Amino acid sequence: MTMNDNKDINTLKVILLQKKGGKTTARIIEKILVRPYNPNQIANILDISYNTAYYHMQIMLKHNLIEKKNTEYGSIYEATPKLINESEAFYKLKKLI
């Protein structure tokens, strides 16, 4: 495990376990690990408000867990290699929420 791996895992710990909306963030990460979504799609799938989905996705974007891709129909967000590489740690942390 490299220093960067520890930093990435610590980022996940903070946003999942030490923030109030960790459970919602985890639900969004679970979906985005499967395929890209936009905030509206996430809001509909998870039955949360658009603003909530957008807020959590912006936090993940800030921490380089997802990246924004512009398409012909608008923007979608997909998992970054950083998140994909830490998916095993994510699923372990998710059990602690």
PDB file of N, CA and C in Angstrom:
ATOM      1  N   MET A   1       0.843  -1.180   0.000  1.00  0.00           N
ATOM      2  CA  MET A   1       0.000   0.000   0.000  1.00  0.00           C
ATOM      3  C   MET A   1       0.890   1.246   0.000  1.00  0.00           C
ATOM      4  N   THR A   2       0.657   2.135  -0.921  1.00  0.00           N
ATOM      5  CA  THR A   2       1.466   3.346  -1.020  1.00  0.00           C
ATOM      6  C   THR A   2       0.865   4.456  -0.169  1.00  0.00           C
ATOM      7  N   MET A   3       1.638   5.526  -0.033  1.00  0.00           N
ATOM      8  CA  MET A   3       1.146   6.692   0.712  1.00  0.00           C
ATOM      9  C   MET A   3      -0.125   7.231   0.060  1.00  0.00           C
ATOM     10  N   ASN A   4      -0.165   7.212  -1.265  1.00  0.00           N
ATOM     11  CA  ASN A   4      -1.344   7.708  -1.978  1.00  0.00           C
ATOM     12  C   ASN A   4      -2.568   6.861  -1.678  1.00  0.00           C
ATOM     13  N   ASP A   5      -2.376   5.529  -1.591  1.00  0.00           N
ATOM     14  CA  ASP A   5      -3.495   4.642  -1.267  1.00  0.00           C
ATOM     15  C   ASP A   5      -4.081   4.995   0.091  1.00  0.00           C
ATOM     16  N   ASN A   6      -3.210   5.229   1.077  1.00  0.00           N
ATOM     17  CA  ASN A   6      -3.681   5.614   2.410  1.00  0.00           C
ATOM     18  C   ASN A   6      -4.461   6.914   2.356  1.00  0.00           C
ATOM     19  N   LYS A   7      -3.968   7.874   1.582  1.00  0.00           N
ATOM     20  CA  LYS A   7      -4.654   9.160   1.454  1.00  0.00           C
ATOM     21  C   LYS A   7      -6.032   8.962   0.821  1.00  0.00           C
ATOM     22  N   ASP A   8      -6.108   8.121  -0.214  1.00  0.00           N
ATOM     23  CA  ASP A   8      -7.380   7.858  -0.887  1.00  0.00           C
ATOM     24  C   ASP A   8      -8.376   7.192   0.073  1.00  0.00           C
ATOM     25  N   ILE A   9      -7.897   6.239   0.854  1.00  0.00           N
ATOM     26  CA  ILE A   9      -8.765   5.553   1.808  1.00  0.00           C
ATOM     27  C   ILE A   9      -9.217   6.535   2.888  1.00  0.00           C
ATOM     28  N   ASN A  10      -8.310   7.400   3.326  1.00  0.00           N
ATOM     29  CA  ASN A  10      -8.684   8.408   4.324  1.00  0.00           C
ATOM     30  C   ASN A  10      -9.748   9.351   3.775  1.00  0.00           C
ATOM     31  N   THR A  11      -9.641   9.714   2.510  1.00  0.00           N
ATOM     32  CA  THR A  11     -10.668  10.559   1.881  1.00  0.00           C
ATOM     33  C   THR A  11     -12.020   9.860   1.945  1.00  0.00           C
ATOM     34  N   LEU A  12     -12.044   8.591   1.584  1.00  0.00           N
ATOM     35  CA  LEU A  12     -13.299   7.828   1.646  1.00  0.00           C
ATOM     36  C   LEU A  12     -13.825   7.764   3.074  1.00  0.00           C
ATOM     37  N   LYS A  13     -12.939   7.530   4.038  1.00  0.00           N
ATOM     38  CA  LYS A  13     -13.362   7.466   5.446  1.00  0.00           C
ATOM     39  C   LYS A  13     -14.026   8.768   5.868  1.00  0.00           C
ATOM     40  N   VAL A  14     -13.416   9.876   5.510  1.00  0.00           N
ATOM     41  CA  VAL A  14     -13.953  11.174   5.910  1.00  0.00           C
ATOM     42  C   VAL A  14     -15.328  11.402   5.298  1.00  0.00           C
ATOM     43  N   ILE A  15     -15.457  11.224   3.983  1.00  0.00           N
ATOM     44  CA  ILE A  15     -16.745  11.555   3.369  1.00  0.00           C
ATOM     45  C   ILE A  15     -17.835  10.532   3.675  1.00  0.00           C
ATOM     46  N   LEU A  16     -17.448   9.308   4.015  1.00  0.00           N
ATOM     47  CA  LEU A  16     -18.466   8.295   4.320  1.00  0.00           C
ATOM     48  C   LEU A  16     -18.796   8.205   5.805  1.00  0.00           C
ATOM     49  N   LEU A  17     -17.790   8.311   6.656  1.00  0.00           N
ATOM     50  CA  LEU A  17     -17.995   8.048   8.078  1.00  0.00           C
ATOM     51  C   LEU A  17     -18.047   9.299   8.951  1.00  0.00           C
ATOM     52  N   GLN A  18     -17.462  10.388   8.494  1.00  0.00           N
ATOM     53  CA  GLN A  18     -17.372  11.561   9.358  1.00  0.00           C
ATOM     54  C   GLN A  18     -18.262  12.711   8.910  1.00  0.00           C
ATOM     55  N   LYS A  19     -18.981  12.531   7.848  1.00  0.00           N
ATOM     56  CA  LYS A  19     -19.901  13.564   7.379  1.00  0.00           C
ATOM     57  C   LYS A  19     -21.328  13.061   7.571  1.00  0.00           C
ATOM     58  N   LYS A  20     -22.213  13.997   7.809  1.00  0.00           N
ATOM     59  CA  LYS A  20     -23.614  13.671   8.095  1.00  0.00           C
ATOM     60  C   LYS A  20     -24.277  12.850   6.987  1.00  0.00           C
ATOM     61  N   GLY A  21     -23.984  13.151   5.742  1.00  0.00           N
ATOM     62  CA  GLY A  21     -24.644  12.491   4.618  1.00  0.00           C
ATOM     63  C   GLY A  21     -23.874  11.317   4.044  1.00  0.00           C
ATOM     64  N   GLY A  22     -23.063  10.662   4.850  1.00  0.00           N
ATOM     65  CA  GLY A  22     -22.234   9.562   4.368  1.00  0.00           C
ATOM     66  C   GLY A  22     -23.017   8.429   3.721  1.00  0.00           C
ATOM     67  N   LYS A  23     -24.177   8.136   4.282  1.00  0.00           N
ATOM     68  CA  LYS A  23     -24.996   7.045   3.733  1.00  0.00           C
ATOM     69  C   LYS A  23     -25.479   7.388   2.324  1.00  0.00           C
ATOM     70  N   THR A  24     -25.882   8.636   2.118  1.00  0.00           N
ATOM     71  CA  THR A  24     -26.327   9.070   0.793  1.00  0.00           C
ATOM     72  C   THR A  24     -25.165   9.052  -0.189  1.00  0.00           C
ATOM     73  N   THR A  25     -24.018   9.541   0.235  1.00  0.00           N
ATOM     74  CA  THR A  25     -22.839   9.514  -0.627  1.00  0.00           C
ATOM     75  C   THR A  25     -22.512   8.079  -1.015  1.00  0.00           C
ATOM     76  N   ALA A  26     -22.585   7.165  -0.072  1.00  0.00           N
ATOM     77  CA  ALA A  26     -22.296   5.752  -0.354  1.00  0.00           C
ATOM     78  C   ALA A  26     -23.276   5.182  -1.370  1.00  0.00           C
ATOM     79  N   ARG A  27     -24.540   5.532  -1.249  1.00  0.00           N
ATOM     80  CA  ARG A  27     -25.542   5.040  -2.200  1.00  0.00           C
ATOM     81  C   ARG A  27     -25.243   5.542  -3.616  1.00  0.00           C
ATOM     82  N   ILE A  28     -24.804   6.799  -3.703  1.00  0.00           N
ATOM     83  CA  ILE A  28     -24.473   7.371  -5.015  1.00  0.00           C
ATOM     84  C   ILE A  28     -23.226   6.698  -5.581  1.00  0.00           C
ATOM     85  N   ILE A  29     -22.207   6.519  -4.747  1.00  0.00           N
ATOM     86  CA  ILE A  29     -20.975   5.864  -5.213  1.00  0.00           C
ATOM     87  C   ILE A  29     -21.290   4.474  -5.751  1.00  0.00           C
ATOM     88  N   GLU A  30     -22.138   3.743  -5.033  1.00  0.00           N
ATOM     89  CA  GLU A  30     -22.507   2.400  -5.472  1.00  0.00           C
ATOM     90  C   GLU A  30     -23.070   2.396  -6.892  1.00  0.00           C
ATOM     91  N   LYS A  31     -23.912   3.361  -7.185  1.00  0.00           N
ATOM     92  CA  LYS A  31     -24.502   3.453  -8.523  1.00  0.00           C
ATOM     93  C   LYS A  31     -23.461   3.857  -9.565  1.00  0.00           C
ATOM     94  N   ILE A  32     -22.636   4.842  -9.226  1.00  0.00           N
ATOM     95  CA  ILE A  32     -21.665   5.367 -10.190  1.00  0.00           C
ATOM     96  C   ILE A  32     -20.542   4.367 -10.477  1.00  0.00           C
ATOM     97  N   LEU A  33     -20.290   3.455  -9.551  1.00  0.00           N
ATOM     98  CA  LEU A  33     -19.305   2.410  -9.827  1.00  0.00           C
ATOM     99  C   LEU A  33     -19.797   1.457 -10.919  1.00  0.00           C
ATOM    100  N   VAL A  34     -21.106   1.401 -11.105  1.00  0.00           N
ATOM    101  CA  VAL A  34     -21.686   0.518 -12.130  1.00  0.00           C
ATOM    102  C   VAL A  34     -21.689   1.186 -13.500  1.00  0.00           C
ATOM    103  N   ARG A  35     -22.121   2.454 -13.533  1.00  0.00           N
ATOM    104  CA  ARG A  35     -22.154   3.188 -14.799  1.00  0.00           C
ATOM    105  C   ARG A  35     -22.300   4.680 -14.518  1.00  0.00           C
ATOM    106  N   PRO A  36     -22.006   5.539 -15.507  1.00  0.00           N
ATOM    107  CA  PRO A  36     -22.151   6.988 -15.309  1.00  0.00           C
ATOM    108  C   PRO A  36     -23.619   7.411 -15.201  1.00  0.00           C
ATOM    109  N   TYR A  37     -23.837   8.454 -14.423  1.00  0.00           N
ATOM    110  CA  TYR A  37     -25.165   9.035 -14.254  1.00  0.00           C
ATOM    111  C   TYR A  37     -25.047  10.553 -14.176  1.00  0.00           C
ATOM    112  N   ASN A  38     -26.171  11.239 -14.386  1.00  0.00           N
ATOM    113  CA  ASN A  38     -26.221  12.671 -14.085  1.00  0.00           C
ATOM    114  C   ASN A  38     -26.988  12.830 -12.768  1.00  0.00           C
ATOM    115  N   PRO A  39     -26.925  14.009 -12.146  1.00  0.00           N
ATOM    116  CA  PRO A  39     -27.594  14.179 -10.851  1.00  0.00           C
ATOM    117  C   PRO A  39     -29.101  13.903 -10.877  1.00  0.00           C
ATOM    118  N   ASN A  40     -29.759  14.239 -11.971  1.00  0.00           N
ATOM    119  CA  ASN A  40     -31.194  13.991 -12.071  1.00  0.00           C
ATOM    120  C   ASN A  40     -31.500  12.497 -12.056  1.00  0.00           C
ATOM    121  N   GLN A  41     -30.714  11.723 -12.784  1.00  0.00           N
ATOM    122  CA  GLN A  41     -30.914  10.270 -12.797  1.00  0.00           C
ATOM    123  C   GLN A  41     -30.696   9.683 -11.404  1.00  0.00           C
ATOM    124  N   ILE A  42     -29.623  10.123 -10.743  1.00  0.00           N
ATOM    125  CA  ILE A  42     -29.322   9.640  -9.390  1.00  0.00           C
ATOM    126  C   ILE A  42     -30.476   9.990  -8.448  1.00  0.00           C
ATOM    127  N   ALA A  43     -30.960  11.227  -8.544  1.00  0.00           N
ATOM    128  CA  ALA A  43     -32.063  11.658  -7.683  1.00  0.00           C
ATOM    129  C   ALA A  43     -33.288  10.761  -7.881  1.00  0.00           C
ATOM    130  N   ASN A  44     -33.615  10.453  -9.123  1.00  0.00           N
ATOM    131  CA  ASN A  44     -34.778   9.610  -9.405  1.00  0.00           C
ATOM    132  C   ASN A  44     -34.577   8.180  -8.925  1.00  0.00           C
ATOM    133  N   ILE A  45     -33.409   7.613  -9.176  1.00  0.00           N
ATOM    134  CA  ILE A  45     -33.129   6.226  -8.793  1.00  0.00           C
ATOM    135  C   ILE A  45     -33.148   6.054  -7.276  1.00  0.00           C
ATOM    136  N   LEU A  46     -32.530   7.009  -6.571  1.00  0.00           N
ATOM    137  CA  LEU A  46     -32.400   6.888  -5.118  1.00  0.00           C
ATOM    138  C   LEU A  46     -33.537   7.558  -4.349  1.00  0.00           C
ATOM    139  N   ASP A  47     -34.469   8.161  -5.079  1.00  0.00           N
ATOM    140  CA  ASP A  47     -35.605   8.848  -4.476  1.00  0.00           C
ATOM    141  C   ASP A  47     -35.146   9.919  -3.477  1.00  0.00           C
ATOM    142  N   ILE A  48     -34.221  10.764  -3.959  1.00  0.00           N
ATOM    143  CA  ILE A  48     -33.746  11.916  -3.192  1.00  0.00           C
ATOM    144  C   ILE A  48     -33.939  13.149  -4.064  1.00  0.00           C
ATOM    145  N   SER A  49     -33.797  14.322  -3.488  1.00  0.00           N
ATOM    146  CA  SER A  49     -33.984  15.538  -4.284  1.00  0.00           C
ATOM    147  C   SER A  49     -32.787  15.743  -5.215  1.00  0.00           C
ATOM    148  N   TYR A  50     -33.039  16.482  -6.280  1.00  0.00           N
ATOM    149  CA  TYR A  50     -31.969  16.820  -7.217  1.00  0.00           C
ATOM    150  C   TYR A  50     -30.862  17.565  -6.474  1.00  0.00           C
ATOM    151  N   ASN A  51     -31.235  18.519  -5.621  1.00  0.00           N
ATOM    152  CA  ASN A  51     -30.235  19.308  -4.895  1.00  0.00           C
ATOM    153  C   ASN A  51     -29.353  18.432  -4.011  1.00  0.00           C
ATOM    154  N   THR A  52     -29.941  17.431  -3.383  1.00  0.00           N
ATOM    155  CA  THR A  52     -29.169  16.509  -2.543  1.00  0.00           C
ATOM    156  C   THR A  52     -28.194  15.709  -3.402  1.00  0.00           C
ATOM    157  N   ALA A  53     -28.685  15.174  -4.504  1.00  0.00           N
ATOM    158  CA  ALA A  53     -27.811  14.402  -5.400  1.00  0.00           C
ATOM    159  C   ALA A  53     -26.670  15.278  -5.909  1.00  0.00           C
ATOM    160  N   TYR A  54     -27.005  16.479  -6.342  1.00  0.00           N
ATOM    161  CA  TYR A  54     -25.996  17.391  -6.880  1.00  0.00           C
ATOM    162  C   TYR A  54     -24.959  17.746  -5.815  1.00  0.00           C
ATOM    163  N   TYR A  55     -25.411  18.039  -4.605  1.00  0.00           N
ATOM    164  CA  TYR A  55     -24.516  18.387  -3.507  1.00  0.00           C
ATOM    165  C   TYR A  55     -23.498  17.273  -3.239  1.00  0.00           C
ATOM    166  N   HIS A  56     -23.992  16.058  -3.120  1.00  0.00           N
ATOM    167  CA  HIS A  56     -23.097  14.931  -2.828  1.00  0.00           C
ATOM    168  C   HIS A  56     -22.148  14.653  -3.998  1.00  0.00           C
ATOM    169  N   MET A  57     -22.639  14.816  -5.195  1.00  0.00           N
ATOM    170  CA  MET A  57     -21.784  14.594  -6.363  1.00  0.00           C
ATOM    171  C   MET A  57     -20.703  15.667  -6.454  1.00  0.00           C
ATOM    172  N   GLN A  58     -21.008  16.879  -6.024  1.00  0.00           N
ATOM    173  CA  GLN A  58     -19.988  17.940  -6.023  1.00  0.00           C
ATOM    174  C   GLN A  58     -18.896  17.641  -4.991  1.00  0.00           C
ATOM    175  N   ILE A  59     -19.266  17.094  -3.857  1.00  0.00           N
ATOM    176  CA  ILE A  59     -18.269  16.696  -2.862  1.00  0.00           C
ATOM    177  C   ILE A  59     -17.359  15.616  -3.444  1.00  0.00           C
ATOM    178  N   MET A  60     -17.959  14.630  -4.100  1.00  0.00           N
ATOM    179  CA  MET A  60     -17.166  13.547  -4.702  1.00  0.00           C
ATOM    180  C   MET A  60     -16.275  14.085  -5.814  1.00  0.00           C
ATOM    181  N   LEU A  61     -16.775  15.041  -6.575  1.00  0.00           N
ATOM    182  CA  LEU A  61     -15.997  15.672  -7.638  1.00  0.00           C
ATOM    183  C   LEU A  61     -14.796  16.408  -7.049  1.00  0.00           C
ATOM    184  N   LYS A  62     -15.030  17.139  -5.975  1.00  0.00           N
ATOM    185  CA  LYS A  62     -13.968  17.893  -5.294  1.00  0.00           C
ATOM    186  C   LYS A  62     -12.853  16.964  -4.795  1.00  0.00           C
ATOM    187  N   HIS A  63     -13.224  15.762  -4.388  1.00  0.00           N
ATOM    188  CA  HIS A  63     -12.253  14.798  -3.866  1.00  0.00           C
ATOM    189  C   HIS A  63     -11.735  13.835  -4.939  1.00  0.00           C
ATOM    190  N   ASN A  64     -12.027  14.145  -6.199  1.00  0.00           N
ATOM    191  CA  ASN A  64     -11.541  13.352  -7.325  1.00  0.00           C
ATOM    192  C   ASN A  64     -12.004  11.888  -7.282  1.00  0.00           C
ATOM    193  N   LEU A  65     -13.216  11.666  -6.798  1.00  0.00           N
ATOM    194  CA  LEU A  65     -13.785  10.321  -6.804  1.00  0.00           C
ATOM    195  C   LEU A  65     -14.618  10.084  -8.054  1.00  0.00           C
ATOM    196  N   ILE A  66     -15.162  11.164  -8.604  1.00  0.00           N
ATOM    197  CA  ILE A  66     -15.899  11.089  -9.863  1.00  0.00           C
ATOM    198  C   ILE A  66     -15.401  12.211 -10.764  1.00  0.00           C
ATOM    199  N   GLU A  67     -15.670  12.052 -12.047  1.00  0.00           N
ATOM    200  CA  GLU A  67     -15.317  13.114 -12.990  1.00  0.00           C
ATOM    201  C   GLU A  67     -16.505  13.400 -13.889  1.00  0.00           C
ATOM    202  N   LYS A  68     -16.573  14.657 -14.298  1.00  0.00           N
ATOM    203  CA  LYS A  68     -17.672  15.131 -15.128  1.00  0.00           C
ATOM    204  C   LYS A  68     -17.295  14.986 -16.592  1.00  0.00           C
ATOM    205  N   LYS A  69     -18.193  14.408 -17.361  1.00  0.00           N
ATOM    206  CA  LYS A  69     -18.015  14.266 -18.807  1.00  0.00           C
ATOM    207  C   LYS A  69     -19.179  14.963 -19.496  1.00  0.00           C
ATOM    208  N   ASN A  70     -18.860  15.797 -20.450  1.00  0.00           N
ATOM    209  CA  ASN A  70     -19.913  16.466 -21.218  1.00  0.00           C
ATOM    210  C   ASN A  70     -20.282  15.605 -22.415  1.00  0.00           C
ATOM    211  N   THR A  71     -21.578  15.416 -22.575  1.00  0.00           N
ATOM    212  CA  THR A  71     -22.072  14.636 -23.701  1.00  0.00           C
ATOM    213  C   THR A  71     -22.979  15.528 -24.544  1.00  0.00           C
ATOM    214  N   GLU A  72     -23.439  14.994 -25.613  1.00  0.00           N
ATOM    215  CA  GLU A  72     -24.353  15.713 -26.512  1.00  0.00           C
ATOM    216  C   GLU A  72     -25.650  16.104 -25.786  1.00  0.00           C
ATOM    217  N   TYR A  73     -26.016  15.330 -24.751  1.00  0.00           N
ATOM    218  CA  TYR A  73     -27.276  15.562 -24.044  1.00  0.00           C
ATOM    219  C   TYR A  73     -27.102  16.213 -22.671  1.00  0.00           C
ATOM    220  N   GLY A  74     -25.889  16.573 -22.310  1.00  0.00           N
ATOM    221  CA  GLY A  74     -25.644  17.172 -20.999  1.00  0.00           C
ATOM    222  C   GLY A  74     -24.453  16.521 -20.332  1.00  0.00           C
ATOM    223  N   SER A  75     -24.302  16.754 -19.058  1.00  0.00           N
ATOM    224  CA  SER A  75     -23.158  16.235 -18.313  1.00  0.00           C
ATOM    225  C   SER A  75     -23.517  14.967 -17.554  1.00  0.00           C
ATOM    226  N   ILE A  76     -22.579  14.041 -17.548  1.00  0.00           N
ATOM    227  CA  ILE A  76     -22.703  12.836 -16.732  1.00  0.00           C
ATOM    228  C   ILE A  76     -21.459  12.748 -15.854  1.00  0.00           C
ATOM    229  N   TYR A  77     -21.569  11.993 -14.804  1.00  0.00           N
ATOM    230  CA  TYR A  77     -20.465  11.812 -13.873  1.00  0.00           C
ATOM    231  C   TYR A  77     -20.123  10.326 -13.817  1.00  0.00           C
ATOM    232  N   GLU A  78     -18.819  10.034 -13.862  1.00  0.00           N
ATOM    233  CA  GLU A  78     -18.391   8.644 -13.807  1.00  0.00           C
ATOM    234  C   GLU A  78     -17.287   8.479 -12.781  1.00  0.00           C
ATOM    235  N   ALA A  79     -17.090   7.264 -12.350  1.00  0.00           N
ATOM    236  CA  ALA A  79     -16.054   6.964 -11.363  1.00  0.00           C
ATOM    237  C   ALA A  79     -14.679   7.230 -11.958  1.00  0.00           C
ATOM    238  N   THR A  80     -13.809   7.803 -11.147  1.00  0.00           N
ATOM    239  CA  THR A  80     -12.421   8.014 -11.564  1.00  0.00           C
ATOM    240  C   THR A  80     -11.642   6.727 -11.303  1.00  0.00           C
ATOM    241  N   PRO A  81     -10.474   6.593 -11.920  1.00  0.00           N
ATOM    242  CA  PRO A  81      -9.623   5.437 -11.600  1.00  0.00           C
ATOM    243  C   PRO A  81      -9.327   5.347 -10.096  1.00  0.00           C
ATOM    244  N   LYS A  82      -9.209   6.502  -9.442  1.00  0.00           N
ATOM    245  CA  LYS A  82      -8.971   6.540  -7.987  1.00  0.00           C
ATOM    246  C   LYS A  82     -10.082   5.803  -7.250  1.00  0.00           C
ATOM    247  N   LEU A  83     -11.347   6.086  -7.584  1.00  0.00           N
ATOM    248  CA  LEU A  83     -12.469   5.430  -6.918  1.00  0.00           C
ATOM    249  C   LEU A  83     -12.532   3.953  -7.286  1.00  0.00           C
ATOM    250  N   ILE A  84     -12.321   3.657  -8.539  1.00  0.00           N
ATOM    251  CA  ILE A  84     -12.353   2.259  -8.983  1.00  0.00           C
ATOM    252  C   ILE A  84     -11.285   1.452  -8.245  1.00  0.00           C
ATOM    253  N   ASN A  85     -10.092   2.025  -8.109  1.00  0.00           N
ATOM    254  CA  ASN A  85      -8.997   1.333  -7.408  1.00  0.00           C
ATOM    255  C   ASN A  85      -9.302   1.120  -5.933  1.00  0.00           C
ATOM    256  N   GLU A  86     -10.107   1.995  -5.356  1.00  0.00           N
ATOM    257  CA  GLU A  86     -10.430   1.902  -3.932  1.00  0.00           C
ATOM    258  C   GLU A  86     -11.809   1.308  -3.679  1.00  0.00           C
ATOM    259  N   SER A  87     -12.384   0.656  -4.698  1.00  0.00           N
ATOM    260  CA  SER A  87     -13.750   0.136  -4.537  1.00  0.00           C
ATOM    261  C   SER A  87     -13.831  -0.931  -3.444  1.00  0.00           C
ATOM    262  N   GLU A  88     -12.801  -1.731  -3.284  1.00  0.00           N
ATOM    263  CA  GLU A  88     -12.810  -2.753  -2.228  1.00  0.00           C
ATOM    264  C   GLU A  88     -12.860  -2.077  -0.850  1.00  0.00           C
ATOM    265  N   ALA A  89     -12.041  -1.038  -0.665  1.00  0.00           N
ATOM    266  CA  ALA A  89     -12.054  -0.283   0.591  1.00  0.00           C
ATOM    267  C   ALA A  89     -13.414   0.393   0.786  1.00  0.00           C
ATOM    268  N   PHE A  90     -13.994   0.894  -0.306  1.00  0.00           N
ATOM    269  CA  PHE A  90     -15.311   1.525  -0.218  1.00  0.00           C
ATOM    270  C   PHE A  90     -16.346   0.555   0.344  1.00  0.00           C
ATOM    271  N   TYR A  91     -16.387  -0.664  -0.192  1.00  0.00           N
ATOM    272  CA  TYR A  91     -17.397  -1.620   0.260  1.00  0.00           C
ATOM    273  C   TYR A  91     -17.178  -2.022   1.718  1.00  0.00           C
ATOM    274  N   LYS A  92     -15.930  -2.075   2.175  1.00  0.00           N
ATOM    275  CA  LYS A  92     -15.647  -2.351   3.586  1.00  0.00           C
ATOM    276  C   LYS A  92     -16.125  -1.204   4.468  1.00  0.00           C
ATOM    277  N   LEU A  93     -15.842   0.032   4.039  1.00  0.00           N
ATOM    278  CA  LEU A  93     -16.262   1.205   4.807  1.00  0.00           C
ATOM    279  C   LEU A  93     -17.780   1.340   4.831  1.00  0.00           C
ATOM    280  N   LYS A  94     -18.426   0.985   3.736  1.00  0.00           N
ATOM    281  CA  LYS A  94     -19.882   1.108   3.632  1.00  0.00           C
ATOM    282  C   LYS A  94     -20.572   0.275   4.722  1.00  0.00           C
ATOM    283  N   LYS A  95     -19.980  -0.847   5.077  1.00  0.00           N
ATOM    284  CA  LYS A  95     -20.558  -1.698   6.119  1.00  0.00           C
ATOM    285  C   LYS A  95     -20.546  -1.025   7.486  1.00  0.00           C
ATOM    286  N   LEU A  96     -19.680  -0.023   7.648  1.00  0.00           N
ATOM    287  CA  LEU A  96     -19.553   0.667   8.937  1.00  0.00           C
ATOM    288  C   LEU A  96     -20.520   1.835   9.100  1.00  0.00           C
ATOM    289  N   ILE A  97     -21.200   2.189   8.031  1.00  0.00           N
ATOM    290  CA  ILE A  97     -22.099   3.354   8.078  1.00  0.00           C
ATOM    291  C   ILE A  97     -23.362   2.997   8.832  1.00  0.00           C
TER     292      ILE A  97
END
